Every structure is written in C-alpha cells, then in structure tokens.
Amino acid sequence: MAADVNSYDAWFRAQVQAALEDARTGTSQVQVMQAAQALIDAKRQIEPKS
C-alpha cells in the first residue's frame, strides 16, 4: 500500500510541476462560461420545451 501512495505522490507532483512549467496561454473563466452558455442556448433552440 505504501508503494502505491509513494507512486501516486510522485505522479501527482510531476503533474503539478508540468502544469506550472506549461508556457501555453490558458483559457479564461469568462471564455469557458461563454462557450458553455452558447452550447446551452443552441441545445434549447433544438429541443422543444416539455
């Protein structure tokens, strides 16, 4: 069990470090919410209300 914990800890730390070193620009929360709202609006136009 300890090996699993140590293995997961090493994997998790590597993932965090990779994310911190990632130079790509991110997507703002506003952009994500606008895209989500557009999907919701499009779905509402396709499906009739019950």
N, C-alpha and C. Protein backbone atom coordinates (compact mmCIF):
# COMPACT_ATOMS: atom_id res chain seq x y z
N MET A 1 0.82 -1.19 0.00
CA MET A 1 0.00 0.00 0.00
C MET A 1 0.87 1.26 0.00
N ALA A 2 1.95 1.24 0.76
CA ALA A 2 2.83 2.41 0.82
C ALA A 2 3.44 2.71 -0.54
N ALA A 3 3.74 1.65 -1.30
CA ALA A 3 4.30 1.85 -2.63
C ALA A 3 3.31 2.58 -3.53
N ASP A 4 2.03 2.24 -3.40
CA ASP A 4 1.00 2.91 -4.19
C ASP A 4 0.92 4.39 -3.83
N VAL A 5 1.00 4.68 -2.54
CA VAL A 5 0.94 6.07 -2.07
C VAL A 5 2.14 6.84 -2.58
N ASN A 6 3.32 6.25 -2.48
CA ASN A 6 4.53 6.92 -2.96
C ASN A 6 4.50 7.11 -4.47
N SER A 7 4.02 6.11 -5.17
CA SER A 7 3.92 6.19 -6.62
C SER A 7 2.95 7.29 -7.03
N TYR A 8 1.81 7.33 -6.38
CA TYR A 8 0.81 8.37 -6.68
C TYR A 8 1.36 9.75 -6.36
N ASP A 9 2.04 9.88 -5.22
CA ASP A 9 2.61 11.16 -4.82
C ASP A 9 3.61 11.65 -5.86
N ALA A 10 4.46 10.77 -6.33
CA ALA A 10 5.45 11.14 -7.36
C ALA A 10 4.75 11.55 -8.65
N TRP A 11 3.71 10.80 -9.05
CA TRP A 11 2.98 11.13 -10.26
C TRP A 11 2.30 12.48 -10.11
N PHE A 12 1.64 12.70 -8.97
CA PHE A 12 0.93 13.94 -8.73
C PHE A 12 1.87 15.14 -8.75
N ARG A 13 2.99 15.02 -8.09
CA ARG A 13 3.98 16.11 -8.07
C ARG A 13 4.50 16.41 -9.48
N ALA A 14 4.70 15.38 -10.27
CA ALA A 14 5.15 15.58 -11.66
C ALA A 14 4.09 16.30 -12.48
N GLN A 15 2.83 15.97 -12.25
CA GLN A 15 1.74 16.63 -12.97
C GLN A 15 1.65 18.11 -12.60
N VAL A 16 1.77 18.40 -11.32
CA VAL A 16 1.73 19.79 -10.85
C VAL A 16 2.91 20.57 -11.43
N GLN A 17 4.10 19.99 -11.39
CA GLN A 17 5.28 20.67 -11.92
C GLN A 17 5.13 20.93 -13.42
N ALA A 18 4.62 19.95 -14.14
CA ALA A 18 4.42 20.14 -15.58
C ALA A 18 3.42 21.26 -15.85
N ALA A 19 2.37 21.34 -15.05
CA ALA A 19 1.39 22.40 -15.22
C ALA A 19 2.00 23.77 -14.92
N LEU A 20 2.83 23.84 -13.90
CA LEU A 20 3.47 25.11 -13.56
C LEU A 20 4.44 25.57 -14.66
N GLU A 21 5.07 24.61 -15.32
CA GLU A 21 6.05 24.93 -16.36
C GLU A 21 5.42 25.13 -17.74
N ASP A 22 4.15 24.86 -17.88
CA ASP A 22 3.48 24.97 -19.16
C ASP A 22 3.38 26.44 -19.58
N ALA A 23 3.98 26.77 -20.70
CA ALA A 23 4.03 28.16 -21.16
C ALA A 23 2.83 28.55 -22.01
N ARG A 24 1.99 27.59 -22.33
CA ARG A 24 0.82 27.93 -23.16
C ARG A 24 -0.10 28.88 -22.41
N THR A 25 -0.80 29.70 -23.16
CA THR A 25 -1.78 30.58 -22.52
C THR A 25 -3.01 29.78 -22.17
N GLY A 26 -3.63 30.14 -21.11
CA GLY A 26 -4.81 29.43 -20.65
C GLY A 26 -6.08 30.04 -21.23
N THR A 27 -7.18 29.44 -20.89
CA THR A 27 -8.49 29.94 -21.28
C THR A 27 -9.11 30.57 -20.05
N SER A 28 -9.58 31.80 -20.22
CA SER A 28 -10.15 32.48 -19.06
C SER A 28 -11.49 31.87 -18.68
N GLN A 29 -11.87 32.09 -17.45
CA GLN A 29 -13.14 31.58 -16.95
C GLN A 29 -14.29 32.20 -17.73
N VAL A 30 -14.15 33.44 -18.13
CA VAL A 30 -15.19 34.12 -18.91
C VAL A 30 -15.36 33.43 -20.26
N GLN A 31 -14.27 33.07 -20.92
CA GLN A 31 -14.35 32.39 -22.21
C GLN A 31 -15.02 31.03 -22.07
N VAL A 32 -14.68 30.31 -21.02
CA VAL A 32 -15.28 29.00 -20.79
C VAL A 32 -16.77 29.13 -20.56
N MET A 33 -17.17 30.08 -19.74
CA MET A 33 -18.58 30.26 -19.43
C MET A 33 -19.37 30.72 -20.67
N GLN A 34 -18.77 31.57 -21.49
CA GLN A 34 -19.44 31.99 -22.72
C GLN A 34 -19.64 30.81 -23.67
N ALA A 35 -18.65 29.96 -23.79
CA ALA A 35 -18.77 28.78 -24.65
C ALA A 35 -19.82 27.83 -24.10
N ALA A 36 -19.85 27.65 -22.79
CA ALA A 36 -20.84 26.77 -22.18
C ALA A 36 -22.25 27.32 -22.39
N GLN A 37 -22.40 28.63 -22.23
CA GLN A 37 -23.72 29.24 -22.42
C GLN A 37 -24.16 29.12 -23.88
N ALA A 38 -23.25 29.25 -24.82
CA ALA A 38 -23.59 29.09 -26.23
C ALA A 38 -24.08 27.68 -26.51
N LEU A 39 -23.44 26.68 -25.90
CA LEU A 39 -23.89 25.30 -26.06
C LEU A 39 -25.29 25.10 -25.47
N ILE A 40 -25.52 25.66 -24.31
CA ILE A 40 -26.84 25.55 -23.67
C ILE A 40 -27.90 26.22 -24.54
N ASP A 41 -27.60 27.42 -25.03
CA ASP A 41 -28.57 28.14 -25.87
C ASP A 41 -28.87 27.38 -27.15
N ALA A 42 -27.84 26.80 -27.76
CA ALA A 42 -28.04 26.04 -29.00
C ALA A 42 -28.90 24.81 -28.73
N LYS A 43 -28.67 24.16 -27.62
CA LYS A 43 -29.44 22.97 -27.26
C LYS A 43 -30.91 23.34 -27.02
N ARG A 44 -31.14 24.46 -26.39
CA ARG A 44 -32.52 24.90 -26.12
C ARG A 44 -33.27 25.20 -27.42
N GLN A 45 -32.58 25.69 -28.42
CA GLN A 45 -33.22 26.01 -29.69
C GLN A 45 -33.60 24.75 -30.44
N ILE A 46 -32.84 23.67 -30.27
CA ILE A 46 -33.08 22.43 -30.99
C ILE A 46 -34.22 21.63 -30.35
N GLU A 47 -34.20 21.53 -29.02
CA GLU A 47 -35.18 20.70 -28.32
C GLU A 47 -36.36 21.53 -27.84
N PRO A 48 -37.57 21.10 -28.14
CA PRO A 48 -38.74 21.82 -27.65
C PRO A 48 -38.87 21.62 -26.13
N LYS A 49 -39.47 22.62 -25.48
CA LYS A 49 -39.67 22.51 -24.03
C LYS A 49 -40.77 21.51 -23.75
N SER A 50 -40.64 20.79 -22.65
CA SER A 50 -41.65 19.79 -22.26
C SER A 50 -42.73 20.42 -21.42
